[in-house]
Amino acid sequence: MTYMYKGTKREEPTTITRQPRNGRKVALCGSPGGYDRHRNAGEEACAKCKARRAADAKAYRDRKRGGPPRELHPCGTIGAYDRHLRAGEYACDPCLDAVAKYEADRNGHQFTGRRRRAIAECGTKPGAMRHRNRGETLCYPCKLAEAKEASNRYVPMSERIAA
């Protein structure tokens, strides 16, 4: 049997999962009351009731919003940058460029492109720091660079100038 419920066409389930008690009617599984019956009994709802509840919630949400769910902002926009951050991930280059351009416009600067840091090369002190920041073991050239930096740290200034 089909019927209309708040503007949505529904199919009424035809099987009763529990016998009525005290002459009262029992809500059918897969109906709005069926989900409540499961919850009031302190049990987990069956798959039919969960699916019906999800469909009802989606229909309610769409009616309140005035339409279907919104589409995601494409990468390269401020909204997509925010989505990356909310998801706890690193923003992609197009999104970072969009944010840099937005900030430049907002602050009255001319946007010439996002400045990218040069990657520190191995065999230098910044290269050794890059390994440490990533939680990696130092490669041999970085170990040497760090040792050289450490040995220079304790040399008196008069000897550094002479060398």
C-alpha atoms as a PDB file:
ATOM      1  CA  MET A   1       0.000   0.000   0.000  1.00  0.00           C
ATOM      2  CA  THR A   2       1.385   3.427  -0.913  1.00  0.00           C
ATOM      3  CA  TYR A   3       0.543   6.701   0.762  1.00  0.00           C
ATOM      4  CA  MET A   4       1.786  10.305   0.889  1.00  0.00           C
ATOM      5  CA  TYR A   5       3.604  11.500   4.017  1.00  0.00           C
ATOM      6  CA  LYS A   6       4.488  15.227   4.097  1.00  0.00           C
ATOM      7  CA  GLY A   7       4.762  15.347   0.323  1.00  0.00           C
ATOM      8  CA  THR A   8       6.822  12.146   0.017  1.00  0.00           C
ATOM      9  CA  LYS A   9       5.451   8.956  -1.514  1.00  0.00           C
ATOM     10  CA  ARG A  10       5.866   6.027   0.922  1.00  0.00           C
ATOM     11  CA  GLU A  11       5.450   2.266   0.811  1.00  0.00           C
ATOM     12  CA  GLU A  12       3.760   0.815   3.892  1.00  0.00           C
ATOM     13  CA  PRO A  13       5.386  -2.388   5.237  1.00  0.00           C
ATOM     14  CA  THR A  14       3.034  -5.333   5.411  1.00  0.00           C
ATOM     15  CA  THR A  15       4.597  -7.593   8.063  1.00  0.00           C
ATOM     16  CA  ILE A  16       4.236  -7.294  11.829  1.00  0.00           C
ATOM     17  CA  THR A  17       7.335  -8.335  13.731  1.00  0.00           C
ATOM     18  CA  ARG A  18       5.748  -8.502  17.186  1.00  0.00           C
ATOM     19  CA  GLN A  19       2.311  -9.527  18.349  1.00  0.00           C
ATOM     20  CA  PRO A  20       0.133  -6.749  19.798  1.00  0.00           C
ATOM     21  CA  ARG A  21      -0.130  -6.645  23.600  1.00  0.00           C
ATOM     22  CA  ASN A  22      -3.191  -5.581  25.586  1.00  0.00           C
ATOM     23  CA  GLY A  23      -5.140  -5.059  22.381  1.00  0.00           C
ATOM     24  CA  ARG A  24      -2.854  -2.181  21.303  1.00  0.00           C
ATOM     25  CA  LYS A  25      -1.458  -1.953  17.808  1.00  0.00           C
ATOM     26  CA  VAL A  26       2.281  -2.456  17.379  1.00  0.00           C
ATOM     27  CA  ALA A  27       4.176  -0.243  14.933  1.00  0.00           C
ATOM     28  CA  LEU A  28       5.523  -2.085  11.926  1.00  0.00           C
ATOM     29  CA  CYS A  29       9.220  -2.377  11.181  1.00  0.00           C
ATOM     30  CA  GLY A  30      10.254   0.062   8.509  1.00  0.00           C
ATOM     31  CA  SER A  31       7.731   2.697   9.630  1.00  0.00           C
ATOM     32  CA  PRO A  32       8.413   5.858  11.645  1.00  0.00           C
ATOM     33  CA  GLY A  33       6.884   4.256  14.736  1.00  0.00           C
ATOM     34  CA  GLY A  34       8.870   1.051  14.239  1.00  0.00           C
ATOM     35  CA  TYR A  35      12.152   2.821  14.901  1.00  0.00           C
ATOM     36  CA  ASP A  36      10.723   4.393  18.075  1.00  0.00           C
ATOM     37  CA  ARG A  37       9.437   0.999  19.194  1.00  0.00           C
ATOM     38  CA  HIS A  38      12.956  -0.465  18.946  1.00  0.00           C
ATOM     39  CA  ARG A  39      14.475   2.450  20.864  1.00  0.00           C
ATOM     40  CA  ASN A  40      11.796   2.374  23.594  1.00  0.00           C
ATOM     41  CA  ALA A  41      12.394  -1.346  24.062  1.00  0.00           C
ATOM     42  CA  GLY A  42      16.096  -0.607  24.623  1.00  0.00           C
ATOM     43  CA  GLU A  43      17.233  -2.603  21.602  1.00  0.00           C
ATOM     44  CA  GLU A  44      19.118  -1.672  18.478  1.00  0.00           C
ATOM     45  CA  ALA A  45      16.888  -0.835  15.532  1.00  0.00           C
ATOM     46  CA  CYS A  46      16.718  -3.302  12.645  1.00  0.00           C
ATOM     47  CA  ALA A  47      18.114  -2.493   9.201  1.00  0.00           C
ATOM     48  CA  LYS A  48      14.669  -1.629   7.779  1.00  0.00           C
ATOM     49  CA  CYS A  49      13.939   0.845  10.576  1.00  0.00           C
ATOM     50  CA  LYS A  50      17.416   2.419  10.348  1.00  0.00           C
ATOM     51  CA  ALA A  51      17.018   2.859   6.589  1.00  0.00           C
ATOM     52  CA  ARG A  52      13.586   4.430   7.030  1.00  0.00           C
ATOM     53  CA  ARG A  53      14.892   6.750   9.750  1.00  0.00           C
ATOM     54  CA  ALA A  54      17.797   7.852   7.522  1.00  0.00           C
ATOM     55  CA  ALA A  55      15.439   8.488   4.596  1.00  0.00           C
ATOM     56  CA  ASP A  56      13.092  10.515   6.814  1.00  0.00           C
ATOM     57  CA  ALA A  57      15.988  12.562   8.220  1.00  0.00           C
ATOM     58  CA  LYS A  58      17.301  13.262   4.712  1.00  0.00           C
ATOM     59  CA  ALA A  59      13.864  14.319   3.474  1.00  0.00           C
ATOM     60  CA  TYR A  60      13.418  16.595   6.510  1.00  0.00           C
ATOM     61  CA  ARG A  61      16.858  18.152   6.017  1.00  0.00           C
ATOM     62  CA  ASP A  62      16.174  18.769   2.323  1.00  0.00           C
ATOM     63  CA  ARG A  63      12.813  20.387   3.108  1.00  0.00           C
ATOM     64  CA  LYS A  64      14.350  22.672   5.732  1.00  0.00           C
ATOM     65  CA  ARG A  65      17.211  23.708   3.449  1.00  0.00           C
ATOM     66  CA  GLY A  66      14.907  24.179   0.521  1.00  0.00           C
ATOM     67  CA  GLY A  67      16.728  21.714  -1.696  1.00  0.00           C
ATOM     68  CA  PRO A  68      19.162  18.821  -1.892  1.00  0.00           C
ATOM     69  CA  PRO A  69      22.524  18.883  -0.088  1.00  0.00           C
ATOM     70  CA  ARG A  70      25.031  21.465  -1.289  1.00  0.00           C
ATOM     71  CA  GLU A  71      27.932  20.554  -3.549  1.00  0.00           C
ATOM     72  CA  LEU A  72      31.511  20.865  -2.360  1.00  0.00           C
ATOM     73  CA  HIS A  73      33.578  23.872  -3.370  1.00  0.00           C
ATOM     74  CA  PRO A  74      36.146  22.926  -6.033  1.00  0.00           C
ATOM     75  CA  CYS A  75      39.817  23.088  -5.128  1.00  0.00           C
ATOM     76  CA  GLY A  76      41.338  26.509  -5.713  1.00  0.00           C
ATOM     77  CA  THR A  77      38.763  28.386  -3.615  1.00  0.00           C
ATOM     78  CA  ILE A  78      38.631  29.663  -0.048  1.00  0.00           C
ATOM     79  CA  GLY A  79      35.798  27.252   0.778  1.00  0.00           C
ATOM     80  CA  ALA A  80      37.844  24.270  -0.385  1.00  0.00           C
ATOM     81  CA  TYR A  81      40.797  25.490   1.692  1.00  0.00           C
ATOM     82  CA  ASP A  82      38.541  25.572   4.771  1.00  0.00           C
ATOM     83  CA  ARG A  83      37.285  22.087   3.899  1.00  0.00           C
ATOM     84  CA  HIS A  84      40.889  20.804   3.825  1.00  0.00           C
ATOM     85  CA  LEU A  85      41.538  22.285   7.268  1.00  0.00           C
ATOM     86  CA  ARG A  86      38.304  20.912   8.763  1.00  0.00           C
ATOM     87  CA  ALA A  87      39.239  17.479   7.443  1.00  0.00           C
ATOM     88  CA  GLY A  88      42.625  17.762   9.186  1.00  0.00           C
ATOM     89  CA  GLU A  89      44.616  17.464   5.964  1.00  0.00           C
ATOM     90  CA  TYR A  90      47.183  19.638   4.240  1.00  0.00           C
ATOM     91  CA  ALA A  91      45.717  22.082   1.735  1.00  0.00           C
ATOM     92  CA  CYS A  92      46.629  21.491  -1.912  1.00  0.00           C
ATOM     93  CA  ASP A  93      48.619  24.059  -3.931  1.00  0.00           C
ATOM     94  CA  PRO A  94      45.599  25.563  -5.770  1.00  0.00           C
ATOM     95  CA  CYS A  95      43.851  26.166  -2.439  1.00  0.00           C
ATOM     96  CA  LEU A  96      46.972  27.707  -0.882  1.00  0.00           C
ATOM     97  CA  ASP A  97      47.308  29.992  -3.913  1.00  0.00           C
ATOM     98  CA  ALA A  98      43.662  31.042  -3.566  1.00  0.00           C
ATOM     99  CA  VAL A  99      44.141  31.907   0.106  1.00  0.00           C
ATOM    100  CA  ALA A 100      47.346  33.843  -0.622  1.00  0.00           C
ATOM    101  CA  LYS A 101      45.561  35.831  -3.342  1.00  0.00           C
ATOM    102  CA  TYR A 102      42.603  36.500  -1.036  1.00  0.00           C
ATOM    103  CA  GLU A 103      44.871  37.685   1.783  1.00  0.00           C
ATOM    104  CA  ALA A 104      46.840  39.929  -0.607  1.00  0.00           C
ATOM    105  CA  ASP A 105      43.615  41.508  -1.911  1.00  0.00           C
ATOM    106  CA  ARG A 106      42.275  41.922   1.611  1.00  0.00           C
ATOM    107  CA  ASN A 107      45.454  43.609   2.825  1.00  0.00           C
ATOM    108  CA  GLY A 108      45.781  45.841  -0.230  1.00  0.00           C
ATOM    109  CA  HIS A 109      48.907  44.164  -1.628  1.00  0.00           C
ATOM    110  CA  GLN A 110      49.554  43.079  -5.167  1.00  0.00           C
ATOM    111  CA  PHE A 111      49.475  39.294  -5.544  1.00  0.00           C
ATOM    112  CA  THR A 112      52.560  38.064  -7.384  1.00  0.00           C
ATOM    113  CA  GLY A 113      52.243  34.403  -6.488  1.00  0.00           C
ATOM    114  CA  ARG A 114      52.626  32.393  -3.360  1.00  0.00           C
ATOM    115  CA  ARG A 115      56.162  32.228  -2.033  1.00  0.00           C
ATOM    116  CA  ARG A 116      57.357  28.688  -1.651  1.00  0.00           C
ATOM    117  CA  ARG A 117      60.187  27.872   0.687  1.00  0.00           C
ATOM    118  CA  ALA A 118      63.225  26.252  -0.807  1.00  0.00           C
ATOM    119  CA  ILE A 119      63.656  22.687   0.393  1.00  0.00           C
ATOM    120  CA  ALA A 120      66.712  22.388   2.606  1.00  0.00           C
ATOM    121  CA  GLU A 121      69.414  20.250   1.024  1.00  0.00           C
ATOM    122  CA  CYS A 122      71.084  17.354   2.766  1.00  0.00           C
ATOM    123  CA  GLY A 123      74.555  18.113   4.066  1.00  0.00           C
ATOM    124  CA  THR A 124      73.488  21.390   5.684  1.00  0.00           C
ATOM    125  CA  LYS A 125      72.201  22.318   9.138  1.00  0.00           C
ATOM    126  CA  PRO A 126      68.676  23.100   7.774  1.00  0.00           C
ATOM    127  CA  GLY A 127      68.753  19.728   5.992  1.00  0.00           C
ATOM    128  CA  ALA A 128      69.443  18.008   9.306  1.00  0.00           C
ATOM    129  CA  MET A 129      66.574  19.939  10.914  1.00  0.00           C
ATOM    130  CA  ARG A 130      64.270  18.790   8.110  1.00  0.00           C
ATOM    131  CA  HIS A 131      65.136  15.166   8.917  1.00  0.00           C
ATOM    132  CA  ARG A 132      64.475  15.763  12.617  1.00  0.00           C
ATOM    133  CA  ASN A 133      61.145  17.509  11.991  1.00  0.00           C
ATOM    134  CA  ARG A 134      60.001  14.560   9.895  1.00  0.00           C
ATOM    135  CA  GLY A 135      61.095  12.073  12.552  1.00  0.00           C
ATOM    136  CA  GLU A 136      63.689  10.500  10.251  1.00  0.00           C
ATOM    137  CA  THR A 137      67.187   9.351  11.085  1.00  0.00           C
ATOM    138  CA  LEU A 138      69.881  11.694   9.809  1.00  0.00           C
ATOM    139  CA  CYS A 139      71.708  10.783   6.634  1.00  0.00           C
ATOM    140  CA  TYR A 140      75.527  10.783   6.738  1.00  0.00           C
ATOM    141  CA  PRO A 141      76.031  14.245   5.101  1.00  0.00           C
ATOM    142  CA  CYS A 142      73.543  15.799   7.553  1.00  0.00           C
ATOM    143  CA  LYS A 143      75.292  14.141  10.502  1.00  0.00           C
ATOM    144  CA  LEU A 144      78.567  15.674   9.343  1.00  0.00           C
ATOM    145  CA  ALA A 145      76.978  19.109   8.902  1.00  0.00           C
ATOM    146  CA  GLU A 146      75.434  18.950  12.363  1.00  0.00           C
ATOM    147  CA  ALA A 147      78.730  17.816  13.909  1.00  0.00           C
ATOM    148  CA  LYS A 148      80.573  20.655  12.169  1.00  0.00           C
ATOM    149  CA  GLU A 149      77.987  23.152  13.458  1.00  0.00           C
ATOM    150  CA  ALA A 150      78.326  21.746  16.985  1.00  0.00           C
ATOM    151  CA  SER A 151      82.123  21.914  16.894  1.00  0.00           C
ATOM    152  CA  ASN A 152      81.999  25.558  15.729  1.00  0.00           C
ATOM    153  CA  ARG A 153      79.660  26.417  18.579  1.00  0.00           C
ATOM    154  CA  TYR A 154      82.314  25.801  21.253  1.00  0.00           C
ATOM    155  CA  VAL A 155      85.318  27.358  19.513  1.00  0.00           C
ATOM    156  CA  PRO A 156      86.383  30.658  21.073  1.00  0.00           C
ATOM    157  CA  MET A 157      85.684  33.726  18.939  1.00  0.00           C
ATOM    158  CA  SER A 158      89.386  34.565  18.605  1.00  0.00           C
ATOM    159  CA  GLU A 159      90.069  31.191  16.978  1.00  0.00           C
ATOM    160  CA  ARG A 160      87.064  31.499  14.636  1.00  0.00           C
ATOM    161  CA  ILE A 161      88.332  34.801  13.290  1.00  0.00           C
ATOM    162  CA  ALA A 162      91.823  33.432  12.742  1.00  0.00           C
ATOM    163  CA  ALA A 163      90.528  30.405  10.832  1.00  0.00           C
END
